[in-house]
PDB file of N, CA and C in Angstrom:
ATOM      1  N   GLN A   1      97.914  13.799   8.650  1.00  0.00           N
ATOM      2  CA  GLN A   1      98.873  13.393   7.536  1.00  0.00           C
ATOM      3  C   GLN A   1      98.929  14.618   6.582  1.00  0.00           C
ATOM      4  N   VAL A   2     100.124  14.901   6.069  1.00  0.00           N
ATOM      5  CA  VAL A   2     100.348  15.961   5.171  1.00  0.00           C
ATOM      6  C   VAL A   2     101.049  15.372   3.847  1.00  0.00           C
ATOM      7  N   GLN A   3     100.633  15.836   2.706  1.00  0.00           N
ATOM      8  CA  GLN A   3     101.292  15.388   1.452  1.00  0.00           C
ATOM      9  C   GLN A   3     101.647  16.633   0.637  1.00  0.00           C
ATOM     10  N   LEU A   4     102.805  16.518  -0.076  1.00  0.00           N
ATOM     11  CA  LEU A   4     103.106  17.489  -1.042  1.00  0.00           C
ATOM     12  C   LEU A   4     103.227  16.772  -2.334  1.00  0.00           C
ATOM     13  N   VAL A   5     102.436  17.185  -3.264  1.00  0.00           N
ATOM     14  CA  VAL A   5     102.267  16.605  -4.683  1.00  0.00           C
ATOM     15  C   VAL A   5     102.778  17.478  -5.678  1.00  0.00           C
ATOM     16  N   GLU A   6     103.859  17.171  -6.455  1.00  0.00           N
ATOM     17  CA  GLU A   6     104.374  17.915  -7.450  1.00  0.00           C
ATOM     18  C   GLU A   6     103.909  17.558  -8.794  1.00  0.00           C
ATOM     19  N   SER A   7     103.923  18.498  -9.737  1.00  0.00           N
ATOM     20  CA  SER A   7     103.639  18.254 -11.124  1.00  0.00           C
ATOM     21  C   SER A   7     104.335  19.301 -11.971  1.00  0.00           C
ATOM     22  N   GLY A   8     104.421  19.015 -13.233  1.00  0.00           N
ATOM     23  CA  GLY A   8     105.043  19.923 -14.266  1.00  0.00           C
ATOM     24  C   GLY A   8     106.337  19.577 -14.815  1.00  0.00           C
ATOM     25  N   GLY A   9     107.007  18.502 -14.320  1.00  0.00           N
ATOM     26  CA  GLY A   9     108.403  18.214 -14.827  1.00  0.00           C
ATOM     27  C   GLY A   9     108.230  17.634 -16.212  1.00  0.00           C
ATOM     28  N   GLY A  10     109.411  17.378 -16.906  1.00  0.00           N
ATOM     29  CA  GLY A  10     109.437  16.816 -18.140  1.00  0.00           C
ATOM     30  C   GLY A  10     110.699  17.047 -18.968  1.00  0.00           C
ATOM     31  N   LEU A  11     110.566  16.866 -20.285  1.00  0.00           N
ATOM     32  CA  LEU A  11     111.792  17.011 -21.182  1.00  0.00           C
ATOM     33  C   LEU A  11     111.554  18.277 -21.964  1.00  0.00           C
ATOM     34  N   VAL A  12     112.594  19.061 -22.069  1.00  0.00           N
ATOM     35  CA  VAL A  12     112.455  20.423 -22.739  1.00  0.00           C
ATOM     36  C   VAL A  12     113.771  20.623 -23.449  1.00  0.00           C
ATOM     37  N   GLN A  13     113.805  21.358 -24.504  1.00  0.00           N
ATOM     38  CA  GLN A  13     115.070  21.732 -25.190  1.00  0.00           C
ATOM     39  C   GLN A  13     115.703  22.920 -24.406  1.00  0.00           C
ATOM     40  N   ALA A  14     116.989  23.019 -24.557  1.00  0.00           N
ATOM     41  CA  ALA A  14     117.597  24.237 -24.031  1.00  0.00           C
ATOM     42  C   ALA A  14     117.002  25.512 -24.551  1.00  0.00           C
ATOM     43  N   GLY A  15     116.833  26.400 -23.656  1.00  0.00           N
ATOM     44  CA  GLY A  15     116.154  27.743 -23.945  1.00  0.00           C
ATOM     45  C   GLY A  15     114.614  27.716 -23.732  1.00  0.00           C
ATOM     46  N   GLY A  16     114.187  26.551 -23.442  1.00  0.00           N
ATOM     47  CA  GLY A  16     112.678  26.456 -23.213  1.00  0.00           C
ATOM     48  C   GLY A  16     112.298  26.683 -21.806  1.00  0.00           C
ATOM     49  N   SER A  17     111.009  26.507 -21.596  1.00  0.00           N
ATOM     50  CA  SER A  17     110.431  26.841 -20.176  1.00  0.00           C
ATOM     51  C   SER A  17     109.609  25.688 -19.721  1.00  0.00           C
ATOM     52  N   LEU A  18     109.552  25.552 -18.355  1.00  0.00           N
ATOM     53  CA  LEU A  18     108.724  24.664 -17.732  1.00  0.00           C
ATOM     54  C   LEU A  18     108.180  25.314 -16.470  1.00  0.00           C
ATOM     55  N   ARG A  19     107.035  24.876 -16.008  1.00  0.00           N
ATOM     56  CA  ARG A  19     106.477  25.430 -14.715  1.00  0.00           C
ATOM     57  C   ARG A  19     106.209  24.279 -13.834  1.00  0.00           C
ATOM     58  N   LEU A  20     106.739  24.236 -12.664  1.00  0.00           N
ATOM     59  CA  LEU A  20     106.523  23.205 -11.626  1.00  0.00           C
ATOM     60  C   LEU A  20     105.477  23.748 -10.625  1.00  0.00           C
ATOM     61  N   SER A  21     104.674  22.821 -10.132  1.00  0.00           N
ATOM     62  CA  SER A  21     103.647  23.091  -9.149  1.00  0.00           C
ATOM     63  C   SER A  21     103.803  22.086  -7.981  1.00  0.00           C
ATOM     64  N   CYS A  22     103.461  22.570  -6.852  1.00  0.00           N
ATOM     65  CA  CYS A  22     103.430  21.667  -5.681  1.00  0.00           C
ATOM     66  C   CYS A  22     102.370  22.086  -4.756  1.00  0.00           C
ATOM     67  N   ALA A  23     101.434  21.089  -4.473  1.00  0.00           N
ATOM     68  CA  ALA A  23     100.294  21.477  -3.710  1.00  0.00           C
ATOM     69  C   ALA A  23     100.390  20.649  -2.403  1.00  0.00           C
ATOM     70  N   ALA A  24     100.210  21.327  -1.242  1.00  0.00           N
ATOM     71  CA  ALA A  24     100.136  20.713   0.041  1.00  0.00           C
ATOM     72  C   ALA A  24      98.743  20.458   0.428  1.00  0.00           C
ATOM     73  N   SER A  25      98.561  19.244   1.056  1.00  0.00           N
ATOM     74  CA  SER A  25      97.190  18.879   1.459  1.00  0.00           C
ATOM     75  C   SER A  25      97.292  18.149   2.692  1.00  0.00           C
ATOM     76  N   GLY A  26      96.152  18.036   3.518  1.00  0.00           N
ATOM     77  CA  GLY A  26      96.089  17.318   4.721  1.00  0.00           C
ATOM     78  C   GLY A  26      95.815  18.289   5.915  1.00  0.00           C
ATOM     79  N   SER A  27      96.354  17.837   7.107  1.00  0.00           N
ATOM     80  CA  SER A  27      96.173  18.536   8.245  1.00  0.00           C
ATOM     81  C   SER A  27      97.158  19.756   8.391  1.00  0.00           C
ATOM     82  N   ILE A  28      96.708  20.876   8.023  1.00  0.00           N
ATOM     83  CA  ILE A  28      97.569  22.037   7.840  1.00  0.00           C
ATOM     84  C   ILE A  28      96.913  23.310   8.500  1.00  0.00           C
ATOM     85  N   ALA A  29      97.639  23.906   9.500  1.00  0.00           N
ATOM     86  CA  ALA A  29      97.131  25.101  10.119  1.00  0.00           C
ATOM     87  C   ALA A  29      97.691  26.288   9.279  1.00  0.00           C
ATOM     88  N   SER A  30      98.988  26.236   9.044  1.00  0.00           N
ATOM     89  CA  SER A  30      99.638  27.282   8.253  1.00  0.00           C
ATOM     90  C   SER A  30     100.960  26.793   7.610  1.00  0.00           C
ATOM     91  N   ILE A  31     101.399  27.409   6.584  1.00  0.00           N
ATOM     92  CA  ILE A  31     102.635  27.070   5.985  1.00  0.00           C
ATOM     93  C   ILE A  31     103.621  28.189   6.097  1.00  0.00           C
ATOM     94  N   ASN A  32     104.775  27.957   6.563  1.00  0.00           N
ATOM     95  CA  ASN A  32     105.787  29.040   6.720  1.00  0.00           C
ATOM     96  C   ASN A  32     106.560  29.045   5.446  1.00  0.00           C
ATOM     97  N   ALA A  33     107.816  28.633   5.426  1.00  0.00           N
ATOM     98  CA  ALA A  33     108.509  28.655   4.160  1.00  0.00           C
ATOM     99  C   ALA A  33     108.144  27.585   3.138  1.00  0.00           C
ATOM    100  N   MET A  34     108.241  27.818   1.887  1.00  0.00           N
ATOM    101  CA  MET A  34     108.187  26.810   0.871  1.00  0.00           C
ATOM    102  C   MET A  34     109.327  27.026  -0.104  1.00  0.00           C
ATOM    103  N   ALA A  35     109.828  25.925  -0.704  1.00  0.00           N
ATOM    104  CA  ALA A  35     110.975  26.044  -1.450  1.00  0.00           C
ATOM    105  C   ALA A  35     111.129  24.890  -2.503  1.00  0.00           C
ATOM    106  N   TRP A  36     111.920  25.105  -3.406  1.00  0.00           N
ATOM    107  CA  TRP A  36     112.295  24.018  -4.495  1.00  0.00           C
ATOM    108  C   TRP A  36     113.719  23.760  -4.350  1.00  0.00           C
ATOM    109  N   TYR A  37     114.131  22.499  -4.203  1.00  0.00           N
ATOM    110  CA  TYR A  37     115.439  21.953  -4.259  1.00  0.00           C
ATOM    111  C   TYR A  37     115.594  21.069  -5.496  1.00  0.00           C
ATOM    112  N   ARG A  38     116.914  20.853  -5.765  1.00  0.00           N
ATOM    113  CA  ARG A  38     117.116  19.845  -7.001  1.00  0.00           C
ATOM    114  C   ARG A  38     118.275  19.018  -6.616  1.00  0.00           C
ATOM    115  N   GLN A  39     118.372  17.843  -7.214  1.00  0.00           N
ATOM    116  CA  GLN A  39     119.390  16.907  -6.930  1.00  0.00           C
ATOM    117  C   GLN A  39     119.723  16.112  -8.233  1.00  0.00           C
ATOM    118  N   ASP A  40     121.008  16.096  -8.557  1.00  0.00           N
ATOM    119  CA  ASP A  40     121.545  15.298  -9.601  1.00  0.00           C
ATOM    120  C   ASP A  40     122.109  13.990  -9.010  1.00  0.00           C
ATOM    121  N   PRO A  41     122.092  12.876  -9.734  1.00  0.00           N
ATOM    122  CA  PRO A  41     122.596  11.646  -9.126  1.00  0.00           C
ATOM    123  C   PRO A  41     124.053  11.893  -8.667  1.00  0.00           C
ATOM    124  N   GLY A  42     124.425  11.451  -7.479  1.00  0.00           N
ATOM    125  CA  GLY A  42     125.800  11.457  -7.038  1.00  0.00           C
ATOM    126  C   GLY A  42     126.114  12.876  -6.456  1.00  0.00           C
ATOM    127  N   LYS A  43     125.135  13.776  -6.478  1.00  0.00           N
ATOM    128  CA  LYS A  43     125.467  15.103  -5.863  1.00  0.00           C
ATOM    129  C   LYS A  43     124.557  15.434  -4.645  1.00  0.00           C
ATOM    130  N   GLN A  44     124.927  16.473  -3.976  1.00  0.00           N
ATOM    131  CA  GLN A  44     124.015  16.840  -2.855  1.00  0.00           C
ATOM    132  C   GLN A  44     122.820  17.660  -3.352  1.00  0.00           C
ATOM    133  N   ARG A  45     121.652  17.559  -2.527  1.00  0.00           N
ATOM    134  CA  ARG A  45     120.538  18.299  -2.898  1.00  0.00           C
ATOM    135  C   ARG A  45     120.838  19.748  -2.648  1.00  0.00           C
ATOM    136  N   GLU A  46     120.462  20.607  -3.624  1.00  0.00           N
ATOM    137  CA  GLU A  46     120.847  22.035  -3.438  1.00  0.00           C
ATOM    138  C   GLU A  46     119.490  22.862  -3.519  1.00  0.00           C
ATOM    139  N   LEU A  47     119.488  23.949  -2.849  1.00  0.00           N
ATOM    140  CA  LEU A  47     118.401  24.820  -2.868  1.00  0.00           C
ATOM    141  C   LEU A  47     118.367  25.682  -4.203  1.00  0.00           C
ATOM    142  N   VAL A  48     117.161  25.669  -4.707  1.00  0.00           N
ATOM    143  CA  VAL A  48     117.017  26.397  -6.074  1.00  0.00           C
ATOM    144  C   VAL A  48     116.371  27.730  -5.674  1.00  0.00           C
ATOM    145  N   ALA A  49     115.256  27.731  -4.915  1.00  0.00           N
ATOM    146  CA  ALA A  49     114.579  28.962  -4.568  1.00  0.00           C
ATOM    147  C   ALA A  49     113.733  28.779  -3.407  1.00  0.00           C
ATOM    148  N   SER A  50     113.521  29.768  -2.522  1.00  0.00           N
ATOM    149  CA  SER A  50     112.594  29.701  -1.447  1.00  0.00           C
ATOM    150  C   SER A  50     111.721  30.924  -1.392  1.00  0.00           C
ATOM    151  N   ILE A  51     110.578  30.831  -0.646  1.00  0.00           N
ATOM    152  CA  ILE A  51     109.629  31.907  -0.523  1.00  0.00           C
ATOM    153  C   ILE A  51     108.963  31.763   0.844  1.00  0.00           C
ATOM    154  N   THR A  52     108.951  32.874   1.525  1.00  0.00           N
ATOM    155  CA  THR A  52     108.218  32.907   2.841  1.00  0.00           C
ATOM    156  C   THR A  52     106.827  33.141   2.636  1.00  0.00           C
ATOM    157  N   SER A  53     105.996  32.972   3.764  1.00  0.00           N
ATOM    158  CA  SER A  53     104.532  33.223   3.730  1.00  0.00           C
ATOM    159  C   SER A  53     104.304  34.595   3.236  1.00  0.00           C
ATOM    160  N   PRO A  54     104.888  35.666   3.742  1.00  0.00           N
ATOM    161  CA  PRO A  54     104.601  36.957   3.142  1.00  0.00           C
ATOM    162  C   PRO A  54     105.058  37.233   1.674  1.00  0.00           C
ATOM    163  N   GLY A  55     105.993  36.300   1.138  1.00  0.00           N
ATOM    164  CA  GLY A  55     106.338  36.428  -0.185  1.00  0.00           C
ATOM    165  C   GLY A  55     107.914  36.873  -0.346  1.00  0.00           C
ATOM    166  N   THR A  56     108.693  36.840   0.689  1.00  0.00           N
ATOM    167  CA  THR A  56     110.054  37.113   0.464  1.00  0.00           C
ATOM    168  C   THR A  56     110.758  35.891  -0.234  1.00  0.00           C
ATOM    169  N   THR A  57     111.457  36.287  -1.290  1.00  0.00           N
ATOM    170  CA  THR A  57     112.038  35.135  -2.162  1.00  0.00           C
ATOM    171  C   THR A  57     113.657  35.217  -2.007  1.00  0.00           C
ATOM    172  N   ASN A  58     114.145  33.990  -2.329  1.00  0.00           N
ATOM    173  CA  ASN A  58     115.589  33.795  -2.380  1.00  0.00           C
ATOM    174  C   ASN A  58     115.892  32.872  -3.468  1.00  0.00           C
ATOM    175  N   TYR A  59     117.063  33.166  -4.139  1.00  0.00           N
ATOM    176  CA  TYR A  59     117.293  32.253  -5.315  1.00  0.00           C
ATOM    177  C   TYR A  59     118.805  31.840  -5.357  1.00  0.00           C
ATOM    178  N   ALA A  60     119.159  30.631  -5.754  1.00  0.00           N
ATOM    179  CA  ALA A  60     120.493  30.352  -6.094  1.00  0.00           C
ATOM    180  C   ALA A  60     121.035  31.199  -7.125  1.00  0.00           C
ATOM    181  N   ASP A  61     122.351  31.492  -7.054  1.00  0.00           N
ATOM    182  CA  ASP A  61     122.949  32.291  -8.032  1.00  0.00           C
ATOM    183  C   ASP A  61     122.763  31.861  -9.457  1.00  0.00           C
ATOM    184  N   SER A  62     122.758  30.473  -9.560  1.00  0.00           N
ATOM    185  CA  SER A  62     122.793  29.859 -10.829  1.00  0.00           C
ATOM    186  C   SER A  62     121.379  29.990 -11.605  1.00  0.00           C
ATOM    187  N   VAL A  63     120.330  30.368 -10.850  1.00  0.00           N
ATOM    188  CA  VAL A  63     119.041  30.488 -11.496  1.00  0.00           C
ATOM    189  C   VAL A  63     118.514  31.924 -11.456  1.00  0.00           C
ATOM    190  N   LYS A  64     119.180  32.814 -10.846  1.00  0.00           N
ATOM    191  CA  LYS A  64     118.654  34.263 -10.715  1.00  0.00           C
ATOM    192  C   LYS A  64     118.480  34.843 -12.107  1.00  0.00           C
ATOM    193  N   GLY A  65     117.339  35.486 -12.265  1.00  0.00           N
ATOM    194  CA  GLY A  65     117.031  36.013 -13.571  1.00  0.00           C
ATOM    195  C   GLY A  65     116.399  35.045 -14.543  1.00  0.00           C
ATOM    196  N   ARG A  66     116.314  33.790 -14.198  1.00  0.00           N
ATOM    197  CA  ARG A  66     115.689  32.755 -15.176  1.00  0.00           C
ATOM    198  C   ARG A  66     114.498  32.118 -14.424  1.00  0.00           C
ATOM    199  N   PHE A  67     114.609  31.859 -13.119  1.00  0.00           N
ATOM    200  CA  PHE A  67     113.553  31.174 -12.518  1.00  0.00           C
ATOM    201  C   PHE A  67     112.774  32.123 -11.567  1.00  0.00           C
ATOM    202  N   THR A  68     111.526  31.907 -11.358  1.00  0.00           N
ATOM    203  CA  THR A  68     110.649  32.696 -10.502  1.00  0.00           C
ATOM    204  C   THR A  68     109.851  31.739  -9.614  1.00  0.00           C
ATOM    205  N   ILE A  69     110.005  31.949  -8.321  1.00  0.00           N
ATOM    206  CA  ILE A  69     109.187  31.234  -7.423  1.00  0.00           C
ATOM    207  C   ILE A  69     107.994  32.115  -6.897  1.00  0.00           C
ATOM    208  N   SER A  70     106.859  31.425  -6.737  1.00  0.00           N
ATOM    209  CA  SER A  70     105.593  32.178  -6.313  1.00  0.00           C
ATOM    210  C   SER A  70     104.817  31.144  -5.531  1.00  0.00           C
ATOM    211  N   ARG A  71     103.874  31.679  -4.785  1.00  0.00           N
ATOM    212  CA  ARG A  71     102.942  30.777  -4.030  1.00  0.00           C
ATOM    213  C   ARG A  71     101.553  31.364  -3.986  1.00  0.00           C
ATOM    214  N   ASP A  72     100.597  30.504  -3.806  1.00  0.00           N
ATOM    215  CA  ASP A  72      99.168  30.766  -3.669  1.00  0.00           C
ATOM    216  C   ASP A  72      98.833  30.257  -2.255  1.00  0.00           C
ATOM    217  N   ASN A  73      98.778  31.193  -1.283  1.00  0.00           N
ATOM    218  CA  ASN A  73      98.518  30.755   0.138  1.00  0.00           C
ATOM    219  C   ASN A  73      97.122  30.081   0.348  1.00  0.00           C
ATOM    220  N   ALA A  74      96.189  30.621  -0.536  1.00  0.00           N
ATOM    221  CA  ALA A  74      94.817  30.153  -0.357  1.00  0.00           C
ATOM    222  C   ALA A  74      94.744  28.701  -0.777  1.00  0.00           C
ATOM    223  N   LYS A  75      95.609  28.286  -1.687  1.00  0.00           N
ATOM    224  CA  LYS A  75      95.666  26.933  -2.283  1.00  0.00           C
ATOM    225  C   LYS A  75      96.776  26.007  -1.743  1.00  0.00           C
ATOM    226  N   ASN A  76      97.597  26.628  -0.848  1.00  0.00           N
ATOM    227  CA  ASN A  76      98.726  25.864  -0.244  1.00  0.00           C
ATOM    228  C   ASN A  76      99.586  25.337  -1.355  1.00  0.00           C
ATOM    229  N   THR A  77      99.900  26.137  -2.395  1.00  0.00           N
ATOM    230  CA  THR A  77     100.589  25.766  -3.472  1.00  0.00           C
ATOM    231  C   THR A  77     101.697  26.675  -3.829  1.00  0.00           C
ATOM    232  N   VAL A  78     102.899  26.082  -4.186  1.00  0.00           N
ATOM    233  CA  VAL A  78     104.048  26.785  -4.564  1.00  0.00           C
ATOM    234  C   VAL A  78     104.452  26.449  -5.957  1.00  0.00           C
ATOM    235  N   TYR A  79     104.821  27.486  -6.728  1.00  0.00           N
ATOM    236  CA  TYR A  79     105.186  27.337  -8.219  1.00  0.00           C
ATOM    237  C   TYR A  79     106.658  27.681  -8.377  1.00  0.00           C
ATOM    238  N   LEU A  80     107.167  27.073  -9.524  1.00  0.00           N
ATOM    239  CA  LEU A  80     108.505  27.461  -9.973  1.00  0.00           C
ATOM    240  C   LEU A  80     108.445  27.644 -11.463  1.00  0.00           C
ATOM    241  N   GLN A  81     108.522  28.805 -11.944  1.00  0.00           N
ATOM    242  CA  GLN A  81     108.496  29.190 -13.320  1.00  0.00           C
ATOM    243  C   GLN A  81     110.004  29.128 -13.859  1.00  0.00           C
ATOM    244  N   MET A  82     110.347  28.228 -14.673  1.00  0.00           N
ATOM    245  CA  MET A  82     111.684  28.098 -15.172  1.00  0.00           C
ATOM    246  C   MET A  82     111.812  28.470 -16.585  1.00  0.00           C
ATOM    247  N   ASN A  83     112.585  29.473 -16.893  1.00  0.00           N
ATOM    248  CA  ASN A  83     112.740  30.065 -18.263  1.00  0.00           C
ATOM    249  C   ASN A  83     114.194  29.889 -18.651  1.00  0.00           C
ATOM    250  N   SER A  84     114.459  29.956 -19.984  1.00  0.00           N
ATOM    251  CA  SER A  84     115.819  29.950 -20.446  1.00  0.00           C
ATOM    252  C   SER A  84     116.595  28.731 -19.867  1.00  0.00           C
ATOM    253  N   LEU A  85     115.897  27.597 -19.910  1.00  0.00           N
ATOM    254  CA  LEU A  85     116.527  26.343 -19.269  1.00  0.00           C
ATOM    255  C   LEU A  85     117.823  25.980 -19.981  1.00  0.00           C
ATOM    256  N   LYS A  86     118.775  25.460 -19.163  1.00  0.00           N
ATOM    257  CA  LYS A  86     120.046  25.020 -19.637  1.00  0.00           C
ATOM    258  C   LYS A  86     120.153  23.550 -19.290  1.00  0.00           C
ATOM    259  N   PRO A  87     120.954  22.756 -20.046  1.00  0.00           N
ATOM    260  CA  PRO A  87     121.245  21.385 -19.722  1.00  0.00           C
ATOM    261  C   PRO A  87     121.665  21.121 -18.337  1.00  0.00           C
ATOM    262  N   GLU A  88     122.382  22.104 -17.749  1.00  0.00           N
ATOM    263  CA  GLU A  88     122.789  21.958 -16.358  1.00  0.00           C
ATOM    264  C   GLU A  88     121.680  22.138 -15.274  1.00  0.00           C
ATOM    265  N   ASP A  89     120.461  22.488 -15.751  1.00  0.00           N
ATOM    266  CA  ASP A  89     119.409  22.523 -14.884  1.00  0.00           C
ATOM    267  C   ASP A  89     118.750  21.133 -14.771  1.00  0.00           C
ATOM    268  N   THR A  90     119.161  20.144 -15.524  1.00  0.00           N
ATOM    269  CA  THR A  90     118.676  18.810 -15.468  1.00  0.00           C
ATOM    270  C   THR A  90     118.870  18.202 -14.062  1.00  0.00           C
ATOM    271  N   ALA A  91     117.810  17.707 -13.430  1.00  0.00           N
ATOM    272  CA  ALA A  91     117.895  17.167 -12.081  1.00  0.00           C
ATOM    273  C   ALA A  91     116.493  16.672 -11.717  1.00  0.00           C
ATOM    274  N   VAL A  92     116.465  16.110 -10.536  1.00  0.00           N
ATOM    275  CA  VAL A  92     115.067  15.837  -9.920  1.00  0.00           C
ATOM    276  C   VAL A  92     114.958  17.020  -9.059  1.00  0.00           C
ATOM    277  N   TYR A  93     113.673  17.628  -9.209  1.00  0.00           N
ATOM    278  CA  TYR A  93     113.279  18.857  -8.406  1.00  0.00           C
ATOM    279  C   TYR A  93     112.315  18.422  -7.314  1.00  0.00           C
ATOM    280  N   TYR A  94     112.629  18.817  -6.104  1.00  0.00           N
ATOM    281  CA  TYR A  94     111.870  18.489  -4.893  1.00  0.00           C
ATOM    282  C   TYR A  94     111.258  19.726  -4.278  1.00  0.00           C
ATOM    283  N   CYS A  95     109.898  19.517  -3.882  1.00  0.00           N
ATOM    284  CA  CYS A  95     109.272  20.638  -3.177  1.00  0.00           C
ATOM    285  C   CYS A  95     109.493  20.496  -1.751  1.00  0.00           C
ATOM    286  N   TYR A  96     109.563  21.544  -1.031  1.00  0.00           N
ATOM    287  CA  TYR A  96     109.755  21.511   0.451  1.00  0.00           C
ATOM    288  C   TYR A  96     108.743  22.508   1.061  1.00  0.00           C
ATOM    289  N   ALA A  97     108.250  22.176   2.212  1.00  0.00           N
ATOM    290  CA  ALA A  97     107.487  23.069   2.975  1.00  0.00           C
ATOM    291  C   ALA A  97     107.645  22.901   4.503  1.00  0.00           C
ATOM    292  N   LYS A  98     107.608  23.999   5.229  1.00  0.00           N
ATOM    293  CA  LYS A  98     107.680  23.975   6.700  1.00  0.00           C
ATOM    294  C   LYS A  98     106.291  24.267   7.142  1.00  0.00           C
ATOM    295  N   ILE A  99     105.627  23.359   7.817  1.00  0.00           N
ATOM    296  CA  ILE A  99     104.224  23.352   8.058  1.00  0.00           C
ATOM    297  C   ILE A  99     103.893  23.251   9.483  1.00  0.00           C
ATOM    298  N   ARG A 100     103.002  24.202   9.910  1.00  0.00           N
ATOM    299  CA  ARG A 100     102.440  24.157  11.238  1.00  0.00           C
ATOM    300  C   ARG A 100     101.090  23.363  11.110  1.00  0.00           C
ATOM    301  N   ARG A 101     100.937  22.204  11.766  1.00  0.00           N
ATOM    302  CA  ARG A 101      99.925  21.294  11.539  1.00  0.00           C
ATOM    303  C   ARG A 101      98.680  21.728  12.358  1.00  0.00           C
ATOM    304  N   TYR A 102      98.867  22.110  13.638  1.00  0.00           N
ATOM    305  CA  TYR A 102      97.798  22.419  14.512  1.00  0.00           C
ATOM    306  C   TYR A 102      97.829  23.863  15.037  1.00  0.00           C
ATOM    307  N   PHE A 103      96.605  24.322  15.175  1.00  0.00           N
ATOM    308  CA  PHE A 103      96.449  25.736  15.693  1.00  0.00           C
ATOM    309  C   PHE A 103      96.828  25.865  17.080  1.00  0.00           C
ATOM    310  N   TYR A 104      96.741  24.748  17.808  1.00  0.00           N
ATOM    311  CA  TYR A 104      96.988  24.763  19.265  1.00  0.00           C
ATOM    312  C   TYR A 104      98.469  24.558  19.669  1.00  0.00           C
ATOM    313  N   SER A 105      99.314  24.319  18.574  1.00  0.00           N
ATOM    314  CA  SER A 105     100.701  24.193  18.803  1.00  0.00           C
ATOM    315  C   SER A 105     101.550  24.981  17.797  1.00  0.00           C
ATOM    316  N   THR A 106     102.631  25.498  18.324  1.00  0.00           N
ATOM    317  CA  THR A 106     103.497  26.278  17.340  1.00  0.00           C
ATOM    318  C   THR A 106     104.582  25.500  16.692  1.00  0.00           C
ATOM    319  N   ARG A 107     104.577  24.140  16.921  1.00  0.00           N
ATOM    320  CA  ARG A 107     105.622  23.258  16.380  1.00  0.00           C
ATOM    321  C   ARG A 107     105.375  23.214  14.905  1.00  0.00           C
ATOM    322  N   GLU A 108     106.521  23.222  14.120  1.00  0.00           N
ATOM    323  CA  GLU A 108     106.527  23.123  12.677  1.00  0.00           C
ATOM    324  C   GLU A 108     107.263  21.851  12.274  1.00  0.00           C
ATOM    325  N   TYR A 109     106.748  21.328  11.033  1.00  0.00           N
ATOM    326  CA  TYR A 109     107.389  20.067  10.544  1.00  0.00           C
ATOM    327  C   TYR A 109     107.889  20.329   9.169  1.00  0.00           C
ATOM    328  N   ASP A 110     108.852  19.623   8.791  1.00  0.00           N
ATOM    329  CA  ASP A 110     109.463  19.607   7.468  1.00  0.00           C
ATOM    330  C   ASP A 110     108.814  18.549   6.590  1.00  0.00           C
ATOM    331  N   TYR A 111     108.435  18.941   5.341  1.00  0.00           N
ATOM    332  CA  TYR A 111     107.778  17.883   4.473  1.00  0.00           C
ATOM    333  C   TYR A 111     108.477  18.078   3.114  1.00  0.00           C
ATOM    334  N   TRP A 112     108.580  16.927   2.383  1.00  0.00           N
ATOM    335  CA  TRP A 112     109.158  16.903   1.079  1.00  0.00           C
ATOM    336  C   TRP A 112     108.172  16.267   0.121  1.00  0.00           C
ATOM    337  N   GLY A 113     108.177  16.727  -1.105  1.00  0.00           N
ATOM    338  CA  GLY A 113     107.496  16.107  -2.151  1.00  0.00           C
ATOM    339  C   GLY A 113     108.268  14.891  -2.691  1.00  0.00           C
ATOM    340  N   GLN A 114     107.671  14.058  -3.623  1.00  0.00           N
ATOM    341  CA  GLN A 114     108.335  12.894  -4.115  1.00  0.00           C
ATOM    342  C   GLN A 114     109.394  13.204  -5.156  1.00  0.00           C
ATOM    343  N   GLY A 115     109.400  14.334  -5.712  1.00  0.00           N
ATOM    344  CA  GLY A 115     110.336  14.662  -6.789  1.00  0.00           C
ATOM    345  C   GLY A 115     109.740  14.619  -8.159  1.00  0.00           C
ATOM    346  N   THR A 116     110.217  15.424  -9.026  1.00  0.00           N
ATOM    347  CA  THR A 116     109.705  15.481 -10.421  1.00  0.00           C
ATOM    348  C   THR A 116     111.010  15.635 -11.280  1.00  0.00           C
ATOM    349  N   GLN A 117     111.130  14.903 -12.338  1.00  0.00           N
ATOM    350  CA  GLN A 117     112.319  15.036 -13.156  1.00  0.00           C
ATOM    351  C   GLN A 117     112.217  16.091 -14.129  1.00  0.00           C
ATOM    352  N   VAL A 118     113.244  16.866 -14.214  1.00  0.00           N
ATOM    353  CA  VAL A 118     113.327  17.947 -15.220  1.00  0.00           C
ATOM    354  C   VAL A 118     114.600  17.524 -16.038  1.00  0.00           C
ATOM    355  N   THR A 119     114.380  17.456 -17.326  1.00  0.00           N
ATOM    356  CA  THR A 119     115.587  17.076 -18.262  1.00  0.00           C
ATOM    357  C   THR A 119     115.586  18.101 -19.389  1.00  0.00           C
ATOM    358  N   VAL A 120     116.774  18.714 -19.529  1.00  0.00           N
ATOM    359  CA  VAL A 120     116.951  19.762 -20.525  1.00  0.00           C
ATOM    360  C   VAL A 120     117.969  19.208 -21.494  1.00  0.00           C
ATOM    361  N   SER A 121     117.579  19.078 -22.799  1.00  0.00           N
ATOM    362  CA  SER A 121     118.429  18.598 -23.857  1.00  0.00           C
ATOM    363  C   SER A 121     119.105  19.803 -24.549  1.00  0.00           C
ATOM    364  N   SER A 122     120.387  19.443 -25.052  1.00  0.00           N
ATOM    365  CA  SER A 122     121.101  20.595 -25.605  1.00  0.00           C
ATOM    366  C   SER A 122     120.850  20.552 -27.136  1.00  0.00           C
TER     367      SER A 122
END
């Protein structure tokens, strides 16, 4: 069994900062990509930022220069530092990880966290 547990969401004023964390636990051999997505009610889930195991990052245009994704491979944890937050950043943020569970198999599985609410007031 594998779990992704997120923390760090909350309410912040526009221009403020928040840091999200997501820790993976359970039967894990290795973690390939990790990412943060967000979803507003009635909208599709969108990619915010992703990071590979070696550390290559990718960002949505809307958050470039404001958000930073990072990971601690020893702790199986991914972070999202969000600065200069805007009301349009308000959403439920979901952690994602592509995980290889067993050393004897190259098969990878997709896992999602439960989501954490981020609300930015104007």
